[in-house]
Amino acid sequence: MLKALVGDLDVLEGHWSEVEKVCQDELRTIVHGDFVIKNVRVRTTVGSTSLLVFDWENAGWGVPCTDLAQLTDRTVSPDLDSYASALRGSWLRVSDVRVRELAECGRFFRLVDEIGWESPLLTFGPCRFVVKPASRLRVYQGQLHQALLAAGWAQCQGRPAALGSRPGSCGQGRHRKRLSRGSRISSRATVELSRLSRRTGYDV
């Protein structure tokens, strides 16, 4: 599993410039950064229903990709059609397709975050304490691989990509310069997971 995860992170890193291209947008807003179900509550009063959002420590200003991520485990996964409809009052050029592209990028951002939070736990305590983070990493690896397949990046088949990758570009991105902060994060995660795999011999 760890080898597969490292491989998928390498593929994502090779296409990171294409992720950045999708995020080069005039659409900027407050981003929560950890928009998961444990951080939201629904409050119902007479005649109204409100969504309350907590834990803003990771909040910032930018493209709202992470908050739009469509994952089935812990993310809120907001309705993208409703989000696009609400935005059109302020950003007339926002389309349903554009919002879905941002959400696809958000899947990658969210998974890189989850992997980065979980992987250091592989070093704590005896083997029985490794089972839980390892099982979570297995889930994240599967989700990351599916996201790469959806983008057409997981294999060289010349298949059109959901995020605008060019046919036949699979594998070429590994030779690009890796200067972005996001790319360095992915690279550090790859190195850390490789080191942990060699040191513990734990491959689930």
N, C-alpha and C. Protein backbone atom coordinates (compact mmCIF):
# COMPACT_ATOMS: atom_id res chain seq x y z
N MET A 1 0.82 -1.20 0.00
CA MET A 1 0.00 0.00 0.00
C MET A 1 0.86 1.25 0.00
N LEU A 2 1.91 1.27 0.83
CA LEU A 2 2.76 2.46 0.90
C LEU A 2 3.47 2.71 -0.43
N LYS A 3 3.91 1.65 -1.08
CA LYS A 3 4.55 1.81 -2.39
C LYS A 3 3.56 2.39 -3.40
N ALA A 4 2.32 1.89 -3.36
CA ALA A 4 1.30 2.40 -4.28
C ALA A 4 1.00 3.86 -3.98
N LEU A 5 0.96 4.22 -2.69
CA LEU A 5 0.70 5.60 -2.31
C LEU A 5 1.81 6.52 -2.78
N VAL A 6 3.05 6.11 -2.58
CA VAL A 6 4.19 6.90 -3.05
C VAL A 6 4.13 7.09 -4.56
N GLY A 7 3.79 6.01 -5.27
CA GLY A 7 3.68 6.11 -6.72
C GLY A 7 2.61 7.08 -7.16
N ASP A 8 1.47 7.05 -6.49
CA ASP A 8 0.39 7.98 -6.84
C ASP A 8 0.76 9.42 -6.53
N LEU A 9 1.47 9.63 -5.43
CA LEU A 9 1.93 10.98 -5.09
C LEU A 9 2.92 11.48 -6.14
N ASP A 10 3.77 10.59 -6.64
CA ASP A 10 4.70 10.97 -7.70
C ASP A 10 3.95 11.40 -8.97
N VAL A 11 2.90 10.65 -9.30
CA VAL A 11 2.11 11.00 -10.48
C VAL A 11 1.45 12.36 -10.30
N LEU A 12 0.88 12.59 -9.12
CA LEU A 12 0.25 13.88 -8.85
C LEU A 12 1.26 15.01 -8.93
N GLU A 13 2.44 14.79 -8.38
CA GLU A 13 3.48 15.82 -8.43
C GLU A 13 3.88 16.13 -9.87
N GLY A 14 3.92 15.10 -10.70
CA GLY A 14 4.29 15.31 -12.09
C GLY A 14 3.29 16.16 -12.85
N HIS A 15 2.04 16.20 -12.37
CA HIS A 15 0.98 16.97 -13.03
C HIS A 15 0.59 18.22 -12.23
N TRP A 16 1.42 18.60 -11.27
CA TRP A 16 1.02 19.68 -10.38
C TRP A 16 0.84 21.00 -11.11
N SER A 17 1.61 21.23 -12.17
CA SER A 17 1.45 22.49 -12.90
C SER A 17 0.06 22.59 -13.52
N GLU A 18 -0.54 21.45 -13.87
CA GLU A 18 -1.89 21.45 -14.43
C GLU A 18 -2.92 21.74 -13.35
N VAL A 19 -2.66 21.26 -12.13
CA VAL A 19 -3.53 21.60 -11.01
C VAL A 19 -3.47 23.11 -10.76
N GLU A 20 -2.25 23.65 -10.78
CA GLU A 20 -2.10 25.09 -10.57
C GLU A 20 -2.82 25.90 -11.64
N LYS A 21 -2.78 25.41 -12.87
CA LYS A 21 -3.43 26.12 -13.97
C LYS A 21 -4.93 26.23 -13.74
N VAL A 22 -5.54 25.15 -13.26
CA VAL A 22 -6.97 25.17 -12.97
C VAL A 22 -7.29 26.18 -11.87
N CYS A 23 -6.34 26.35 -10.95
CA CYS A 23 -6.58 27.23 -9.81
C CYS A 23 -6.25 28.69 -10.10
N GLN A 24 -5.76 29.00 -11.29
CA GLN A 24 -5.47 30.39 -11.65
C GLN A 24 -6.77 31.04 -12.08
N ASP A 25 -7.47 31.54 -11.10
CA ASP A 25 -8.84 32.01 -11.33
C ASP A 25 -9.05 33.30 -10.56
N GLU A 26 -9.93 34.14 -11.09
CA GLU A 26 -10.26 35.37 -10.37
C GLU A 26 -11.18 35.10 -9.19
N LEU A 27 -11.70 33.87 -9.09
CA LEU A 27 -12.60 33.52 -8.01
C LEU A 27 -11.83 33.36 -6.71
N ARG A 28 -11.96 34.34 -5.82
CA ARG A 28 -11.29 34.30 -4.52
C ARG A 28 -12.33 34.54 -3.44
N THR A 29 -12.19 33.82 -2.35
CA THR A 29 -13.16 33.95 -1.28
C THR A 29 -12.53 33.44 0.02
N ILE A 30 -13.27 33.48 1.11
CA ILE A 30 -12.79 32.89 2.36
C ILE A 30 -12.87 31.37 2.24
N VAL A 31 -11.78 30.70 2.54
CA VAL A 31 -11.70 29.24 2.47
C VAL A 31 -11.55 28.70 3.89
N HIS A 32 -12.43 27.79 4.26
CA HIS A 32 -12.37 27.22 5.61
C HIS A 32 -11.13 26.36 5.78
N GLY A 33 -10.87 25.47 4.84
CA GLY A 33 -9.67 24.66 4.87
C GLY A 33 -9.81 23.30 5.54
N ASP A 34 -10.85 23.13 6.35
CA ASP A 34 -11.09 21.83 7.00
C ASP A 34 -12.60 21.62 7.09
N PHE A 35 -13.23 21.67 5.92
CA PHE A 35 -14.69 21.66 5.83
C PHE A 35 -15.20 20.22 5.89
N VAL A 36 -15.19 19.67 7.10
CA VAL A 36 -15.60 18.28 7.33
C VAL A 36 -16.80 18.26 8.28
N ILE A 37 -17.45 17.10 8.35
CA ILE A 37 -18.72 17.03 9.06
C ILE A 37 -18.59 17.32 10.55
N LYS A 38 -17.43 17.05 11.15
CA LYS A 38 -17.29 17.32 12.58
C LYS A 38 -17.24 18.81 12.87
N ASN A 39 -17.02 19.62 11.84
CA ASN A 39 -16.90 21.06 12.04
C ASN A 39 -18.15 21.83 11.63
N VAL A 40 -19.25 21.13 11.38
CA VAL A 40 -20.48 21.83 11.01
C VAL A 40 -21.65 21.31 11.85
N ARG A 41 -22.62 22.16 12.03
CA ARG A 41 -23.86 21.81 12.71
C ARG A 41 -25.01 22.48 11.97
N VAL A 42 -26.15 21.84 12.01
CA VAL A 42 -27.36 22.42 11.43
C VAL A 42 -28.26 22.89 12.58
N ARG A 43 -28.59 24.16 12.56
CA ARG A 43 -29.46 24.73 13.59
C ARG A 43 -30.81 25.06 12.98
N THR A 44 -31.84 24.50 13.57
CA THR A 44 -33.20 24.72 13.09
C THR A 44 -33.98 25.52 14.11
N THR A 45 -34.54 26.62 13.66
CA THR A 45 -35.40 27.44 14.49
C THR A 45 -36.74 27.59 13.78
N VAL A 46 -37.65 28.29 14.43
CA VAL A 46 -38.96 28.49 13.82
C VAL A 46 -38.80 29.32 12.54
N GLY A 47 -39.10 28.69 11.43
CA GLY A 47 -39.09 29.40 10.16
C GLY A 47 -37.75 29.49 9.45
N SER A 48 -36.69 28.89 10.02
CA SER A 48 -35.40 28.99 9.34
C SER A 48 -34.48 27.82 9.73
N THR A 49 -33.54 27.55 8.85
CA THR A 49 -32.51 26.55 9.09
C THR A 49 -31.17 27.16 8.72
N SER A 50 -30.19 27.00 9.61
CA SER A 50 -28.87 27.61 9.40
C SER A 50 -27.78 26.54 9.49
N LEU A 51 -26.73 26.74 8.71
CA LEU A 51 -25.55 25.89 8.80
C LEU A 51 -24.47 26.64 9.57
N LEU A 52 -24.05 26.09 10.69
CA LEU A 52 -23.02 26.70 11.52
C LEU A 52 -21.70 25.98 11.28
N VAL A 53 -20.65 26.74 11.04
CA VAL A 53 -19.34 26.17 10.74
C VAL A 53 -18.36 26.58 11.82
N PHE A 54 -17.63 25.59 12.38
CA PHE A 54 -16.70 25.84 13.48
C PHE A 54 -15.26 25.58 13.02
N ASP A 55 -14.32 25.86 13.92
CA ASP A 55 -12.90 25.51 13.76
C ASP A 55 -12.30 26.15 12.51
N TRP A 56 -12.04 27.43 12.60
CA TRP A 56 -11.53 28.21 11.47
C TRP A 56 -10.01 28.39 11.51
N GLU A 57 -9.29 27.54 12.22
CA GLU A 57 -7.85 27.76 12.38
C GLU A 57 -7.08 27.61 11.06
N ASN A 58 -7.61 26.86 10.11
CA ASN A 58 -6.95 26.69 8.82
C ASN A 58 -7.52 27.61 7.74
N ALA A 59 -8.34 28.57 8.13
CA ALA A 59 -9.00 29.42 7.15
C ALA A 59 -8.02 30.38 6.48
N GLY A 60 -8.38 30.79 5.28
CA GLY A 60 -7.56 31.75 4.55
C GLY A 60 -8.35 32.33 3.40
N TRP A 61 -7.66 33.08 2.55
CA TRP A 61 -8.28 33.74 1.41
C TRP A 61 -7.70 33.12 0.14
N GLY A 62 -8.56 32.61 -0.73
CA GLY A 62 -8.05 32.00 -1.94
C GLY A 62 -9.14 31.32 -2.75
N VAL A 63 -8.73 30.41 -3.62
CA VAL A 63 -9.66 29.64 -4.45
C VAL A 63 -10.28 28.53 -3.59
N PRO A 64 -11.61 28.38 -3.61
CA PRO A 64 -12.28 27.49 -2.65
C PRO A 64 -12.26 26.01 -3.01
N CYS A 65 -11.17 25.54 -3.63
CA CYS A 65 -11.12 24.15 -4.08
C CYS A 65 -11.32 23.15 -2.94
N THR A 66 -10.57 23.32 -1.87
CA THR A 66 -10.60 22.34 -0.78
C THR A 66 -11.99 22.21 -0.17
N ASP A 67 -12.68 23.33 0.00
CA ASP A 67 -14.01 23.28 0.61
C ASP A 67 -15.05 22.64 -0.31
N LEU A 68 -14.76 22.56 -1.61
CA LEU A 68 -15.70 21.97 -2.56
C LEU A 68 -15.44 20.49 -2.81
N ALA A 69 -14.40 19.94 -2.20
CA ALA A 69 -14.01 18.55 -2.45
C ALA A 69 -15.17 17.60 -2.22
N GLN A 70 -15.33 16.68 -3.18
CA GLN A 70 -16.40 15.69 -3.11
C GLN A 70 -15.81 14.34 -2.69
N LEU A 71 -15.75 14.09 -1.41
CA LEU A 71 -15.26 12.82 -0.87
C LEU A 71 -16.33 12.23 0.03
N THR A 72 -16.32 10.93 0.15
CA THR A 72 -17.43 10.26 0.84
C THR A 72 -17.16 9.94 2.30
N ASP A 73 -15.98 10.27 2.81
CA ASP A 73 -15.70 9.87 4.19
C ASP A 73 -16.10 10.95 5.21
N ARG A 74 -15.35 12.05 5.25
CA ARG A 74 -15.60 13.04 6.30
C ARG A 74 -15.91 14.44 5.79
N THR A 75 -15.71 14.68 4.51
CA THR A 75 -15.93 16.04 4.01
C THR A 75 -17.42 16.34 3.87
N VAL A 76 -17.76 17.62 3.95
CA VAL A 76 -19.15 18.03 3.81
C VAL A 76 -19.64 17.76 2.38
N SER A 77 -18.76 17.90 1.38
CA SER A 77 -19.12 17.65 -0.02
C SER A 77 -20.36 18.45 -0.43
N PRO A 78 -20.24 19.77 -0.48
CA PRO A 78 -21.42 20.60 -0.79
C PRO A 78 -21.96 20.31 -2.18
N ASP A 79 -23.24 20.61 -2.38
CA ASP A 79 -23.88 20.44 -3.68
C ASP A 79 -23.30 21.47 -4.66
N LEU A 80 -22.64 20.98 -5.69
CA LEU A 80 -21.92 21.87 -6.60
C LEU A 80 -22.85 22.70 -7.47
N ASP A 81 -23.98 22.15 -7.87
CA ASP A 81 -24.93 22.91 -8.69
C ASP A 81 -25.50 24.09 -7.90
N SER A 82 -25.83 23.84 -6.63
CA SER A 82 -26.35 24.92 -5.78
C SER A 82 -25.29 25.99 -5.55
N TYR A 83 -24.03 25.55 -5.36
CA TYR A 83 -22.94 26.49 -5.14
C TYR A 83 -22.75 27.37 -6.37
N ALA A 84 -22.74 26.76 -7.55
CA ALA A 84 -22.57 27.53 -8.78
C ALA A 84 -23.71 28.51 -8.98
N SER A 85 -24.93 28.07 -8.69
CA SER A 85 -26.09 28.93 -8.84
C SER A 85 -26.00 30.14 -7.92
N ALA A 86 -25.56 29.92 -6.68
CA ALA A 86 -25.45 31.02 -5.72
C ALA A 86 -24.36 32.01 -6.12
N LEU A 87 -23.30 31.52 -6.79
CA LEU A 87 -22.19 32.40 -7.16
C LEU A 87 -22.51 33.31 -8.33
N ARG A 88 -23.44 32.93 -9.16
CA ARG A 88 -23.67 33.68 -10.39
C ARG A 88 -24.12 35.11 -10.15
N GLY A 89 -24.61 35.39 -8.95
CA GLY A 89 -24.98 36.77 -8.64
C GLY A 89 -23.77 37.67 -8.52
N SER A 90 -22.60 37.09 -8.18
CA SER A 90 -21.37 37.89 -8.02
C SER A 90 -20.37 37.66 -9.13
N TRP A 91 -20.26 36.41 -9.61
CA TRP A 91 -19.33 36.06 -10.68
C TRP A 91 -20.13 35.49 -11.84
N LEU A 92 -20.43 36.35 -12.81
CA LEU A 92 -21.30 35.96 -13.91
C LEU A 92 -20.68 34.88 -14.79
N ARG A 93 -19.35 34.81 -14.82
CA ARG A 93 -18.69 33.86 -15.71
C ARG A 93 -18.54 32.47 -15.08
N VAL A 94 -18.98 32.30 -13.85
CA VAL A 94 -18.86 31.01 -13.20
C VAL A 94 -19.87 30.04 -13.81
N SER A 95 -19.39 28.88 -14.22
CA SER A 95 -20.25 27.86 -14.82
C SER A 95 -20.23 26.61 -13.95
N ASP A 96 -21.19 25.73 -14.19
CA ASP A 96 -21.21 24.45 -13.47
C ASP A 96 -19.93 23.66 -13.75
N VAL A 97 -19.46 23.71 -14.99
CA VAL A 97 -18.24 22.98 -15.35
C VAL A 97 -17.05 23.52 -14.59
N ARG A 98 -16.97 24.85 -14.48
CA ARG A 98 -15.84 25.47 -13.77
C ARG A 98 -15.84 25.08 -12.30
N VAL A 99 -16.98 25.08 -11.67
CA VAL A 99 -17.07 24.71 -10.26
C VAL A 99 -16.66 23.25 -10.06
N ARG A 100 -17.03 22.38 -10.99
CA ARG A 100 -16.65 20.97 -10.88
C ARG A 100 -15.14 20.79 -11.07
N GLU A 101 -14.53 21.59 -11.92
CA GLU A 101 -13.07 21.54 -12.07
C GLU A 101 -12.39 21.92 -10.76
N LEU A 102 -12.89 22.97 -10.11
CA LEU A 102 -12.32 23.38 -8.83
C LEU A 102 -12.50 22.29 -7.77
N ALA A 103 -13.66 21.64 -7.79
CA ALA A 103 -13.91 20.57 -6.83
C ALA A 103 -12.97 19.39 -7.05
N GLU A 104 -12.66 19.09 -8.32
CA GLU A 104 -11.72 18.01 -8.61
C GLU A 104 -10.33 18.34 -8.06
N CYS A 105 -9.90 19.58 -8.22
CA CYS A 105 -8.64 20.01 -7.60
C CYS A 105 -8.71 19.88 -6.09
N GLY A 106 -9.87 20.23 -5.55
CA GLY A 106 -10.06 20.14 -4.11
C GLY A 106 -9.89 18.73 -3.58
N ARG A 107 -10.28 17.73 -4.37
CA ARG A 107 -10.07 16.33 -3.96
C ARG A 107 -8.58 16.07 -3.75
N PHE A 108 -7.75 16.54 -4.67
CA PHE A 108 -6.30 16.35 -4.53
C PHE A 108 -5.76 17.07 -3.31
N PHE A 109 -6.18 18.34 -3.12
CA PHE A 109 -5.70 19.10 -1.97
C PHE A 109 -6.09 18.43 -0.66
N ARG A 110 -7.35 18.00 -0.60
CA ARG A 110 -7.84 17.38 0.63
C ARG A 110 -7.10 16.08 0.92
N LEU A 111 -6.87 15.28 -0.10
CA LEU A 111 -6.20 14.00 0.11
C LEU A 111 -4.74 14.20 0.50
N VAL A 112 -4.06 15.18 -0.09
CA VAL A 112 -2.68 15.47 0.31
C VAL A 112 -2.64 15.90 1.77
N ASP A 113 -3.61 16.71 2.19
CA ASP A 113 -3.70 17.10 3.60
C ASP A 113 -3.91 15.89 4.49
N GLU A 114 -4.86 15.04 4.14
CA GLU A 114 -5.17 13.87 4.96
C GLU A 114 -3.95 12.95 5.08
N ILE A 115 -3.26 12.74 3.98
CA ILE A 115 -2.07 11.88 3.98
C ILE A 115 -0.98 12.51 4.84
N GLY A 116 -0.83 13.82 4.71
CA GLY A 116 0.18 14.51 5.52
C GLY A 116 -0.11 14.46 7.01
N TRP A 117 -1.40 14.49 7.38
CA TRP A 117 -1.76 14.42 8.80
C TRP A 117 -1.61 13.00 9.35
N GLU A 118 -1.86 12.01 8.52
CA GLU A 118 -1.91 10.64 9.00
C GLU A 118 -0.55 9.94 9.00
N SER A 119 0.29 10.23 8.01
CA SER A 119 1.53 9.48 7.86
C SER A 119 2.49 9.59 9.05
N PRO A 120 2.61 10.74 9.75
CA PRO A 120 3.52 10.77 10.91
C PRO A 120 3.10 9.81 12.03
N LEU A 121 1.84 9.41 12.07
CA LEU A 121 1.37 8.51 13.13
C LEU A 121 1.94 7.10 12.97
N LEU A 122 2.51 6.78 11.83
CA LEU A 122 3.10 5.46 11.64
C LEU A 122 4.34 5.25 12.50
N THR A 123 4.89 6.31 13.05
CA THR A 123 6.12 6.19 13.83
C THR A 123 5.87 6.07 15.32
N PHE A 124 4.61 6.20 15.77
CA PHE A 124 4.32 6.24 17.20
C PHE A 124 4.00 4.86 17.74
N GLY A 125 4.73 4.44 18.79
CA GLY A 125 4.34 3.26 19.56
C GLY A 125 4.55 1.95 18.83
N PRO A 126 4.09 0.88 19.46
CA PRO A 126 4.21 -0.46 18.88
C PRO A 126 3.30 -0.64 17.68
N CYS A 127 3.40 -1.83 17.07
CA CYS A 127 2.70 -2.09 15.80
C CYS A 127 1.19 -1.92 15.90
N ARG A 128 0.62 -2.24 17.05
CA ARG A 128 -0.84 -2.16 17.16
C ARG A 128 -1.34 -0.73 16.99
N PHE A 129 -0.46 0.25 17.26
CA PHE A 129 -0.86 1.64 17.08
C PHE A 129 -0.70 2.10 15.63
N VAL A 130 -0.08 1.27 14.81
CA VAL A 130 0.11 1.60 13.41
C VAL A 130 -1.09 1.18 12.57
N VAL A 131 -1.89 0.25 13.09
CA VAL A 131 -2.99 -0.33 12.32
C VAL A 131 -3.98 0.74 11.87
N LYS A 132 -4.38 1.62 12.78
CA LYS A 132 -5.40 2.61 12.44
C LYS A 132 -4.92 3.60 11.38
N PRO A 133 -3.75 4.27 11.57
CA PRO A 133 -3.31 5.19 10.51
C PRO A 133 -3.02 4.47 9.20
N ALA A 134 -2.52 3.23 9.28
CA ALA A 134 -2.26 2.49 8.05
C ALA A 134 -3.55 2.18 7.30
N SER A 135 -4.59 1.85 8.04
CA SER A 135 -5.87 1.56 7.38
C SER A 135 -6.45 2.82 6.74
N ARG A 136 -6.26 3.95 7.39
CA ARG A 136 -6.73 5.21 6.81
C ARG A 136 -5.94 5.57 5.56
N LEU A 137 -4.63 5.35 5.62
CA LEU A 137 -3.80 5.63 4.45
C LEU A 137 -4.19 4.74 3.28
N ARG A 138 -4.61 3.51 3.57
CA ARG A 138 -5.07 2.62 2.51
C ARG A 138 -6.30 3.23 1.82
N VAL A 139 -7.22 3.78 2.62
CA VAL A 139 -8.41 4.42 2.06
C VAL A 139 -8.02 5.62 1.22
N TYR A 140 -7.11 6.46 1.75
CA TYR A 140 -6.71 7.66 1.02
C TYR A 140 -5.99 7.30 -0.27
N GLN A 141 -5.19 6.23 -0.23
CA GLN A 141 -4.50 5.80 -1.45
C GLN A 141 -5.51 5.39 -2.53
N GLY A 142 -6.53 4.67 -2.12
CA GLY A 142 -7.56 4.28 -3.08
C GLY A 142 -8.28 5.48 -3.66
N GLN A 143 -8.59 6.45 -2.81
CA GLN A 143 -9.28 7.65 -3.28
C GLN A 143 -8.39 8.49 -4.19
N LEU A 144 -7.11 8.58 -3.83
CA LEU A 144 -6.17 9.33 -4.66
C LEU A 144 -6.02 8.67 -6.03
N HIS A 145 -5.93 7.36 -6.04
CA HIS A 145 -5.78 6.66 -7.31
C HIS A 145 -7.02 6.86 -8.19
N GLN A 146 -8.19 6.79 -7.59
CA GLN A 146 -9.41 7.02 -8.35
C GLN A 146 -9.47 8.44 -8.91
N ALA A 147 -9.00 9.41 -8.12
CA ALA A 147 -8.98 10.79 -8.60
C ALA A 147 -8.01 10.95 -9.77
N LEU A 148 -6.87 10.27 -9.70
CA LEU A 148 -5.90 10.31 -10.79
C LEU A 148 -6.47 9.66 -12.05
N LEU A 149 -7.18 8.55 -11.87
CA LEU A 149 -7.82 7.90 -13.01
C LEU A 149 -8.86 8.81 -13.65
N ALA A 150 -9.65 9.50 -12.81
CA ALA A 150 -10.67 10.40 -13.32
C ALA A 150 -10.06 11.55 -14.11
N ALA A 151 -8.86 11.98 -13.70
CA ALA A 151 -8.17 13.07 -14.40
C ALA A 151 -7.41 12.57 -15.62
N GLY A 152 -7.32 11.24 -15.80
CA GLY A 152 -6.57 10.69 -16.92
C GLY A 152 -5.08 10.68 -16.70
N TRP A 153 -4.64 10.74 -15.44
CA TRP A 153 -3.21 10.84 -15.14
C TRP A 153 -2.61 9.54 -14.62
N ALA A 154 -3.39 8.56 -14.31
CA ALA A 154 -2.86 7.37 -13.67
C ALA A 154 -2.23 6.41 -14.67
N GLN A 155 -2.55 6.54 -15.96
CA GLN A 155 -1.95 5.66 -16.95
C GLN A 155 -1.93 6.36 -18.30
N CYS A 156 -1.01 5.97 -19.15
CA CYS A 156 -0.82 6.62 -20.45
C CYS A 156 -1.71 5.97 -21.49
N GLN A 157 -2.93 6.45 -21.60
CA GLN A 157 -3.84 5.93 -22.60
C GLN A 157 -4.36 7.01 -23.53
N GLY A 158 -3.83 8.21 -23.37
CA GLY A 158 -4.28 9.32 -24.20
C GLY A 158 -5.73 9.70 -23.97
N ARG A 159 -6.24 9.33 -22.77
CA ARG A 159 -7.64 9.60 -22.46
C ARG A 159 -7.82 11.06 -22.08
N PRO A 160 -8.88 11.75 -22.52
CA PRO A 160 -9.11 13.15 -22.15
C PRO A 160 -9.20 13.28 -20.65
N ALA A 161 -8.63 14.33 -20.11
CA ALA A 161 -8.56 14.50 -18.67
C ALA A 161 -9.60 15.47 -18.17
N ALA A 162 -10.12 15.21 -16.96
CA ALA A 162 -11.14 16.06 -16.37
C ALA A 162 -10.60 17.42 -16.01
N LEU A 163 -9.28 17.53 -15.77
CA LEU A 163 -8.71 18.80 -15.35
C LEU A 163 -7.91 19.47 -16.46
N GLY A 164 -8.17 19.08 -17.69
CA GLY A 164 -7.54 19.79 -18.80
C GLY A 164 -6.16 19.30 -19.15
N SER A 165 -5.76 18.10 -18.73
CA SER A 165 -4.46 17.59 -19.13
C SER A 165 -4.50 17.21 -20.60
N ARG A 166 -3.36 17.29 -21.27
CA ARG A 166 -3.29 17.04 -22.70
C ARG A 166 -3.06 15.57 -22.98
N PRO A 167 -3.67 15.01 -24.06
CA PRO A 167 -3.44 13.62 -24.41
C PRO A 167 -1.96 13.36 -24.62
N GLY A 168 -1.50 12.22 -24.09
CA GLY A 168 -0.11 11.84 -24.25
C GLY A 168 0.82 12.53 -23.29
N SER A 169 0.31 13.32 -22.37
CA SER A 169 1.18 14.05 -21.45
C SER A 169 1.57 13.22 -20.25
N CYS A 170 0.96 12.05 -20.07
CA CYS A 170 1.25 11.22 -18.90
C CYS A 170 2.73 10.84 -18.88
N GLY A 171 3.38 11.12 -17.75
CA GLY A 171 4.78 10.79 -17.59
C GLY A 171 5.70 11.95 -17.93
N GLN A 172 5.28 12.85 -18.83
CA GLN A 172 6.15 13.95 -19.20
C GLN A 172 6.29 14.97 -18.08
N GLY A 173 5.24 15.07 -17.26
CA GLY A 173 5.26 16.08 -16.20
C GLY A 173 6.33 15.84 -15.17
N ARG A 174 6.86 14.61 -15.07
CA ARG A 174 7.87 14.33 -14.04
C ARG A 174 9.17 15.08 -14.31
N HIS A 175 9.34 15.57 -15.53
CA HIS A 175 10.57 16.27 -15.86
C HIS A 175 10.42 17.78 -15.71
N ARG A 176 9.24 18.21 -15.28
CA ARG A 176 9.03 19.65 -15.12
C ARG A 176 9.66 20.12 -13.82
N LYS A 177 9.89 21.43 -13.75
CA LYS A 177 10.43 22.00 -12.52
C LYS A 177 9.38 21.92 -11.42
N ARG A 178 9.85 21.59 -10.22
CA ARG A 178 8.93 21.46 -9.08
C ARG A 178 9.19 22.61 -8.12
N LEU A 179 8.63 23.76 -8.41
CA LEU A 179 8.92 24.95 -7.63
C LEU A 179 7.78 25.38 -6.73
N SER A 180 6.57 24.87 -6.96
CA SER A 180 5.43 25.34 -6.20
C SER A 180 5.45 24.78 -4.79
N ARG A 181 4.80 25.48 -3.87
CA ARG A 181 4.71 25.01 -2.49
C ARG A 181 3.96 23.69 -2.42
N GLY A 182 2.87 23.60 -3.18
CA GLY A 182 2.11 22.35 -3.17
C GLY A 182 2.94 21.19 -3.66
N SER A 183 3.77 21.41 -4.66
CA SER A 183 4.62 20.34 -5.17
C SER A 183 5.63 19.92 -4.12
N ARG A 184 6.19 20.88 -3.40
CA ARG A 184 7.15 20.52 -2.36
C ARG A 184 6.49 19.74 -1.24
N ILE A 185 5.23 20.07 -0.91
CA ILE A 185 4.50 19.31 0.10
C ILE A 185 4.33 17.87 -0.34
N SER A 186 3.91 17.67 -1.59
CA SER A 186 3.74 16.33 -2.12
C SER A 186 5.06 15.57 -2.09
N SER A 187 6.16 16.25 -2.45
CA SER A 187 7.46 15.60 -2.46
C SER A 187 7.88 15.19 -1.06
N ARG A 188 7.66 16.06 -0.08
CA ARG A 188 8.03 15.71 1.29
C ARG A 188 7.23 14.53 1.79
N ALA A 189 5.94 14.49 1.44
CA ALA A 189 5.12 13.35 1.84
C ALA A 189 5.63 12.06 1.23
N THR A 190 6.05 12.13 -0.05
CA THR A 190 6.58 10.96 -0.73
C THR A 190 7.84 10.45 -0.04
N VAL A 191 8.76 11.36 0.26
CA VAL A 191 10.01 10.98 0.92
C VAL A 191 9.74 10.38 2.29
N GLU A 192 8.83 11.01 3.04
CA GLU A 192 8.53 10.53 4.39
C GLU A 192 7.93 9.13 4.36
N LEU A 193 6.99 8.89 3.46
CA LEU A 193 6.36 7.58 3.38
C LEU A 193 7.36 6.52 2.94
N SER A 194 8.27 6.85 2.03
CA SER A 194 9.29 5.90 1.61
C SER A 194 10.21 5.54 2.76
N ARG A 195 10.58 6.57 3.54
CA ARG A 195 11.47 6.34 4.67
C ARG A 195 10.81 5.44 5.71
N LEU A 196 9.54 5.72 6.00
CA LEU A 196 8.83 4.92 6.99
C LEU A 196 8.66 3.48 6.53
N SER A 197 8.42 3.29 5.25
CA SER A 197 8.25 1.94 4.73
C SER A 197 9.53 1.13 4.86
N ARG A 198 10.68 1.76 4.54
CA ARG A 198 11.96 1.06 4.65
C ARG A 198 12.31 0.77 6.10
N ARG A 199 11.99 1.71 6.99
CA ARG A 199 12.39 1.58 8.38
C ARG A 199 11.56 0.55 9.13
N THR A 200 10.26 0.53 8.88
CA THR A 200 9.38 -0.37 9.63
C THR A 200 9.12 -1.67 8.91
N GLY A 201 9.32 -1.67 7.58
CA GLY A 201 8.97 -2.85 6.82
C GLY A 201 7.49 -3.13 6.80
N TYR A 202 6.72 -2.12 7.17
CA TYR A 202 5.26 -2.30 7.28
C TYR A 202 4.60 -1.90 5.98
N ASP A 203 4.03 -2.87 5.27
CA ASP A 203 3.36 -2.62 4.00
C ASP A 203 2.02 -3.32 4.05
N VAL A 204 0.92 -2.56 4.16
CA VAL A 204 -0.39 -3.18 4.34
C VAL A 204 -1.17 -3.15 3.05
